[in-house]
C-alpha atoms as a PDB file:
ATOM      1  CA  MET A   1     -15.355   2.800  -1.454  1.00  0.00           C
ATOM      2  CA  ALA A   2     -16.223  -0.760  -0.445  1.00  0.00           C
ATOM      3  CA  PHE A   3     -13.925  -3.196   1.342  1.00  0.00           C
ATOM      4  CA  ASP A   4     -14.830  -6.838   0.719  1.00  0.00           C
ATOM      5  CA  ILE A   5     -13.032  -9.752   2.353  1.00  0.00           C
ATOM      6  CA  ASN A   6     -12.849 -12.734   0.001  1.00  0.00           C
ATOM      7  CA  SER A   7     -11.120 -15.175   2.342  1.00  0.00           C
ATOM      8  CA  ILE A   8      -9.321 -15.459   5.657  1.00  0.00           C
ATOM      9  CA  GLY A   9      -7.246 -18.494   6.567  1.00  0.00           C
ATOM     10  CA  VAL A  10      -4.681 -19.518   9.154  1.00  0.00           C
ATOM     11  CA  ASP A  11      -1.169 -19.129   7.747  1.00  0.00           C
ATOM     12  CA  SER A  12       0.713 -20.212  10.869  1.00  0.00           C
ATOM     13  CA  PHE A  13       0.729 -20.081  14.653  1.00  0.00           C
ATOM     14  CA  THR A  14       3.098 -17.926  16.705  1.00  0.00           C
ATOM     15  CA  ASP A  15       3.861 -17.770  20.410  1.00  0.00           C
ATOM     16  CA  LYS A  16       1.739 -14.584  20.662  1.00  0.00           C
ATOM     17  CA  GLY A  17      -1.154 -15.450  18.365  1.00  0.00           C
ATOM     18  CA  VAL A  18      -1.968 -16.487  14.824  1.00  0.00           C
ATOM     19  CA  LYS A  19      -0.807 -15.290  11.403  1.00  0.00           C
ATOM     20  CA  LEU A  20      -3.789 -14.964   9.073  1.00  0.00           C
ATOM     21  CA  ALA A  21      -3.661 -14.933   5.275  1.00  0.00           C
ATOM     22  CA  VAL A  22      -6.202 -12.421   3.949  1.00  0.00           C
ATOM     23  CA  GLN A  23      -7.512 -11.875   0.436  1.00  0.00           C
ATOM     24  CA  ALA A  24      -9.677  -8.805  -0.050  1.00  0.00           C
ATOM     25  CA  LYS A  25     -10.748  -6.220  -2.607  1.00  0.00           C
ATOM     26  CA  ILE A  26     -11.320  -2.490  -2.409  1.00  0.00           C
ATOM     27  CA  ASN A  27     -13.812  -1.212  -4.973  1.00  0.00           C
ATOM     28  CA  VAL A  28     -14.301   2.463  -5.715  1.00  0.00           C
ATOM     29  CA  ASP A  29     -17.771   3.350  -7.002  1.00  0.00           C
ATOM     30  CA  ALA A  30     -18.744   7.025  -7.188  1.00  0.00           C
ATOM     31  CA  ARG A  31     -22.419   6.075  -7.630  1.00  0.00           C
ATOM     32  CA  ARG A  32     -22.526   5.416  -3.879  1.00  0.00           C
ATOM     33  CA  VAL A  33     -22.229   9.181  -3.259  1.00  0.00           C
ATOM     34  CA  LYS A  34     -25.687  10.771  -3.454  1.00  0.00           C
ATOM     35  CA  SER A  35     -24.711  14.419  -3.951  1.00  0.00           C
ATOM     36  CA  TRP A  36     -23.909  15.217  -7.597  1.00  0.00           C
ATOM     37  CA  GLY A  37     -21.498  18.027  -6.659  1.00  0.00           C
ATOM     38  CA  VAL A  38     -19.558  15.989  -4.103  1.00  0.00           C
ATOM     39  CA  ARG A  39     -19.483  12.983  -6.461  1.00  0.00           C
ATOM     40  CA  THR A  40     -18.141  15.063  -9.368  1.00  0.00           C
ATOM     41  CA  LEU A  41     -15.522  16.806  -7.221  1.00  0.00           C
ATOM     42  CA  GLY A  42     -14.481  13.442  -5.782  1.00  0.00           C
ATOM     43  CA  LYS A  43     -14.133  11.869  -9.229  1.00  0.00           C
ATOM     44  CA  ILE A  44     -11.914  14.719 -10.408  1.00  0.00           C
ATOM     45  CA  GLY A  45      -9.791  14.690  -7.250  1.00  0.00           C
ATOM     46  CA  THR A  46      -9.294  10.939  -7.197  1.00  0.00           C
ATOM     47  CA  TYR A  47      -8.449  10.916 -10.916  1.00  0.00           C
ATOM     48  CA  VAL A  48      -5.674  13.464 -10.277  1.00  0.00           C
ATOM     49  CA  VAL A  49      -4.349  11.682  -7.168  1.00  0.00           C
ATOM     50  CA  GLY A  50      -4.747   8.146  -8.562  1.00  0.00           C
ATOM     51  CA  HIS A  51      -3.170   6.090  -5.763  1.00  0.00           C
ATOM     52  CA  VAL A  52      -2.657   6.602  -2.044  1.00  0.00           C
ATOM     53  CA  THR A  53      -0.458   4.819   0.455  1.00  0.00           C
ATOM     54  CA  VAL A  54      -2.045   3.546   3.630  1.00  0.00           C
ATOM     55  CA  LYS A  55       0.418   3.163   6.488  1.00  0.00           C
ATOM     56  CA  GLU A  56       0.534   0.001   8.607  1.00  0.00           C
ATOM     57  CA  PHE A  57      -2.444  -0.083  10.997  1.00  0.00           C
ATOM     58  CA  ASP A  58      -4.158  -2.184  13.651  1.00  0.00           C
ATOM     59  CA  VAL A  59      -7.654  -3.616  13.354  1.00  0.00           C
ATOM     60  CA  ARG A  60      -9.343  -4.138  16.712  1.00  0.00           C
ATOM     61  CA  ALA A  61     -12.242  -6.593  16.896  1.00  0.00           C
ATOM     62  CA  ARG A  62     -14.702  -5.695  19.650  1.00  0.00           C
ATOM     63  CA  LEU A  63     -17.765  -7.575  20.846  1.00  0.00           C
ATOM     64  CA  PRO A  64     -20.570  -5.083  21.624  1.00  0.00           C
ATOM     65  CA  ASP A  65     -22.619  -7.766  23.399  1.00  0.00           C
ATOM     66  CA  TYR A  66     -19.712  -8.465  25.785  1.00  0.00           C
ATOM     67  CA  ASP A  67     -19.168  -4.948  27.169  1.00  0.00           C
ATOM     68  CA  ASN A  68     -17.439  -3.888  23.932  1.00  0.00           C
ATOM     69  CA  ALA A  69     -14.337  -5.872  24.961  1.00  0.00           C
ATOM     70  CA  VAL A  70     -11.489  -6.309  22.488  1.00  0.00           C
ATOM     71  CA  VAL A  71     -11.403  -9.972  21.472  1.00  0.00           C
ATOM     72  CA  GLY A  72      -8.390  -9.601  19.193  1.00  0.00           C
ATOM     73  CA  THR A  73      -6.092  -7.245  17.296  1.00  0.00           C
ATOM     74  CA  ALA A  74      -4.562  -7.686  13.848  1.00  0.00           C
ATOM     75  CA  ARG A  75      -1.586  -5.727  12.471  1.00  0.00           C
ATOM     76  CA  VAL A  76      -2.202  -4.981   8.769  1.00  0.00           C
ATOM     77  CA  PRO A  77       0.819  -4.076   6.631  1.00  0.00           C
ATOM     78  CA  GLY A  78       0.973  -0.835   4.666  1.00  0.00           C
ATOM     79  CA  MET A  79      -0.419  -0.884   1.132  1.00  0.00           C
ATOM     80  CA  THR A  80      -1.057   1.197  -1.955  1.00  0.00           C
ATOM     81  CA  ILE A  81      -4.668   1.611  -3.056  1.00  0.00           C
ATOM     82  CA  ASP A  82      -6.042   2.820  -6.394  1.00  0.00           C
ATOM     83  CA  ILE A  83      -8.747   5.354  -5.472  1.00  0.00           C
ATOM     84  CA  ARG A  84      -9.950   6.219  -8.990  1.00  0.00           C
ATOM     85  CA  ASN A  85     -13.628   5.674  -9.757  1.00  0.00           C
ATOM     86  CA  GLY A  86     -14.392   2.234 -11.168  1.00  0.00           C
ATOM     87  CA  HIS A  87     -11.050   0.744 -10.104  1.00  0.00           C
ATOM     88  CA  THR A  88     -10.523  -2.289  -7.876  1.00  0.00           C
ATOM     89  CA  THR A  89      -7.450  -3.014  -5.772  1.00  0.00           C
ATOM     90  CA  SER A  90      -6.847  -6.667  -4.913  1.00  0.00           C
ATOM     91  CA  LEU A  91      -5.088  -7.231  -1.617  1.00  0.00           C
ATOM     92  CA  ASN A  92      -3.241 -10.357  -0.487  1.00  0.00           C
ATOM     93  CA  PHE A  93      -1.395 -10.086   2.795  1.00  0.00           C
ATOM     94  CA  VAL A  94      -0.471 -11.946   5.965  1.00  0.00           C
ATOM     95  CA  THR A  95      -1.319 -10.286   9.261  1.00  0.00           C
ATOM     96  CA  ASP A  96      -0.184 -10.985  12.804  1.00  0.00           C
ATOM     97  CA  THR A  97      -3.043 -11.292  15.279  1.00  0.00           C
ATOM     98  CA  GLN A  98      -3.068 -11.255  19.044  1.00  0.00           C
ATOM     99  CA  PRO A  99      -5.895 -12.337  21.329  1.00  0.00           C
ATOM    100  CA  GLY A 100      -7.595  -9.717  23.446  1.00  0.00           C
ATOM    101  CA  SER A 101      -9.400 -10.123  26.731  1.00  0.00           C
ATOM    102  CA  VAL A 102      -9.067 -13.690  28.026  1.00  0.00           C
ATOM    103  CA  ASP A 103     -12.174 -13.186  30.186  1.00  0.00           C
ATOM    104  CA  THR A 104     -14.232 -12.212  27.130  1.00  0.00           C
ATOM    105  CA  ILE A 105     -12.935 -15.183  25.135  1.00  0.00           C
ATOM    106  CA  ARG A 106     -13.861 -17.420  28.079  1.00  0.00           C
ATOM    107  CA  LEU A 107     -17.408 -15.956  28.245  1.00  0.00           C
ATOM    108  CA  LEU A 108     -17.812 -16.422  24.489  1.00  0.00           C
ATOM    109  CA  ALA A 109     -16.594 -20.041  24.730  1.00  0.00           C
ATOM    110  CA  ASN A 110     -19.007 -20.721  27.635  1.00  0.00           C
ATOM    111  CA  ASP A 111     -21.935 -19.308  25.620  1.00  0.00           C
ATOM    112  CA  TYR A 112     -20.896 -21.490  22.678  1.00  0.00           C
ATOM    113  CA  LEU A 113     -20.584 -24.664  24.761  1.00  0.00           C
ATOM    114  CA  SER A 114     -23.906 -24.081  26.520  1.00  0.00           C
ATOM    115  CA  GLY A 115     -25.687 -23.548  23.170  1.00  0.00           C
ATOM    116  CA  ASP A 116     -26.658 -19.950  24.017  1.00  0.00           C
ATOM    117  CA  LEU A 117     -24.960 -18.439  20.977  1.00  0.00           C
ATOM    118  CA  SER A 118     -27.253 -17.722  18.009  1.00  0.00           C
ATOM    119  CA  SER A 119     -25.269 -14.799  16.601  1.00  0.00           C
ATOM    120  CA  ILE A 120     -22.053 -12.916  17.226  1.00  0.00           C
ATOM    121  CA  LYS A 121     -21.904  -9.169  16.702  1.00  0.00           C
ATOM    122  CA  VAL A 122     -18.367  -7.992  15.887  1.00  0.00           C
ATOM    123  CA  MET A 123     -17.312  -4.343  15.616  1.00  0.00           C
ATOM    124  CA  GLY A 124     -14.093  -3.748  13.695  1.00  0.00           C
ATOM    125  CA  GLU A 125     -12.306  -0.450  14.196  1.00  0.00           C
ATOM    126  CA  VAL A 126      -9.218   1.083  12.627  1.00  0.00           C
ATOM    127  CA  ASP A 127      -7.290   4.338  12.743  1.00  0.00           C
ATOM    128  CA  LEU A 128      -5.837   4.945   9.274  1.00  0.00           C
ATOM    129  CA  ARG A 129      -3.021   7.217   8.111  1.00  0.00           C
ATOM    130  CA  ILE A 130      -3.106   7.951   4.392  1.00  0.00           C
ATOM    131  CA  ARG A 131      -0.183   9.473   2.517  1.00  0.00           C
ATOM    132  CA  LYS A 132       0.265  10.938  -0.959  1.00  0.00           C
ATOM    133  CA  TRP A 133       3.266  12.996  -1.999  1.00  0.00           C
ATOM    134  CA  PHE A 134       4.059  15.272   0.970  1.00  0.00           C
ATOM    135  CA  LEU A 135       0.517  15.202   2.379  1.00  0.00           C
ATOM    136  CA  SER A 136      -0.525  12.968   5.241  1.00  0.00           C
ATOM    137  CA  VAL A 137      -4.170  12.614   6.243  1.00  0.00           C
ATOM    138  CA  ASN A 138      -5.650  10.914   9.282  1.00  0.00           C
ATOM    139  CA  PRO A 139      -9.369  10.481   8.531  1.00  0.00           C
ATOM    140  CA  GLY A 140      -9.984   9.328  12.100  1.00  0.00           C
ATOM    141  CA  ARG A 141     -11.409   6.160  13.527  1.00  0.00           C
ATOM    142  CA  MET A 142     -13.485   4.076  11.157  1.00  0.00           C
ATOM    143  CA  THR A 143     -15.761   1.281  12.342  1.00  0.00           C
ATOM    144  CA  ARG A 144     -17.799  -1.447  10.720  1.00  0.00           C
ATOM    145  CA  GLU A 145     -20.147  -3.875  12.391  1.00  0.00           C
ATOM    146  CA  ILE A 146     -20.858  -7.370  11.134  1.00  0.00           C
ATOM    147  CA  VAL A 147     -23.198  -9.952  12.569  1.00  0.00           C
ATOM    148  CA  LEU A 148     -22.320 -13.628  12.219  1.00  0.00           C
ATOM    149  CA  GLU A 149     -25.513 -15.672  12.342  1.00  0.00           C
ATOM    150  CA  GLY A 150     -26.169 -19.360  12.306  1.00  0.00           C
ATOM    151  CA  ASP A 151     -26.416 -22.371  14.538  1.00  0.00           C
ATOM    152  CA  PHE A 152     -23.343 -22.060  16.753  1.00  0.00           C
ATOM    153  CA  SER A 153     -24.352 -24.863  19.086  1.00  0.00           C
ATOM    154  CA  PRO A 154     -21.686 -27.557  19.435  1.00  0.00           C
ATOM    155  CA  ARG A 155     -24.398 -30.236  19.133  1.00  0.00           C
ATOM    156  CA  ALA A 156     -25.211 -29.110  15.550  1.00  0.00           C
ATOM    157  CA  ARG A 157     -21.843 -30.244  14.204  1.00  0.00           C
END
């Protein structure tokens, strides 16, 4: 399963943070599973189940290069996802975000203003709860790291 973000934009500002409009896609591709047995069992199981409901969850954005501090949190609404092989679920939702550590945001801003920022490493983490029929599964904490690279110096603009 691959989660691809197509776009993120500011929807509105609130007294606690920002509302972001997100467009994303979830693609299910059994070819990503190397083991033939696991892949075949997974294809059969997901064909039978078809769709699952993901409960509302929080995404925490951490900065590993800044003592793993939380720089922000986003509340993602619940959704239904098609988990059958070869299927894509398009997602369009608005999420409430809240800033994290003010000290970390200040350090990041100082690095930006001084021209010392060549990349930003961001670790996203979520705790999901998945539900289908009477079953509820908590697959645990999932993380994904992305690195934003480029010329972040304010003089380059």
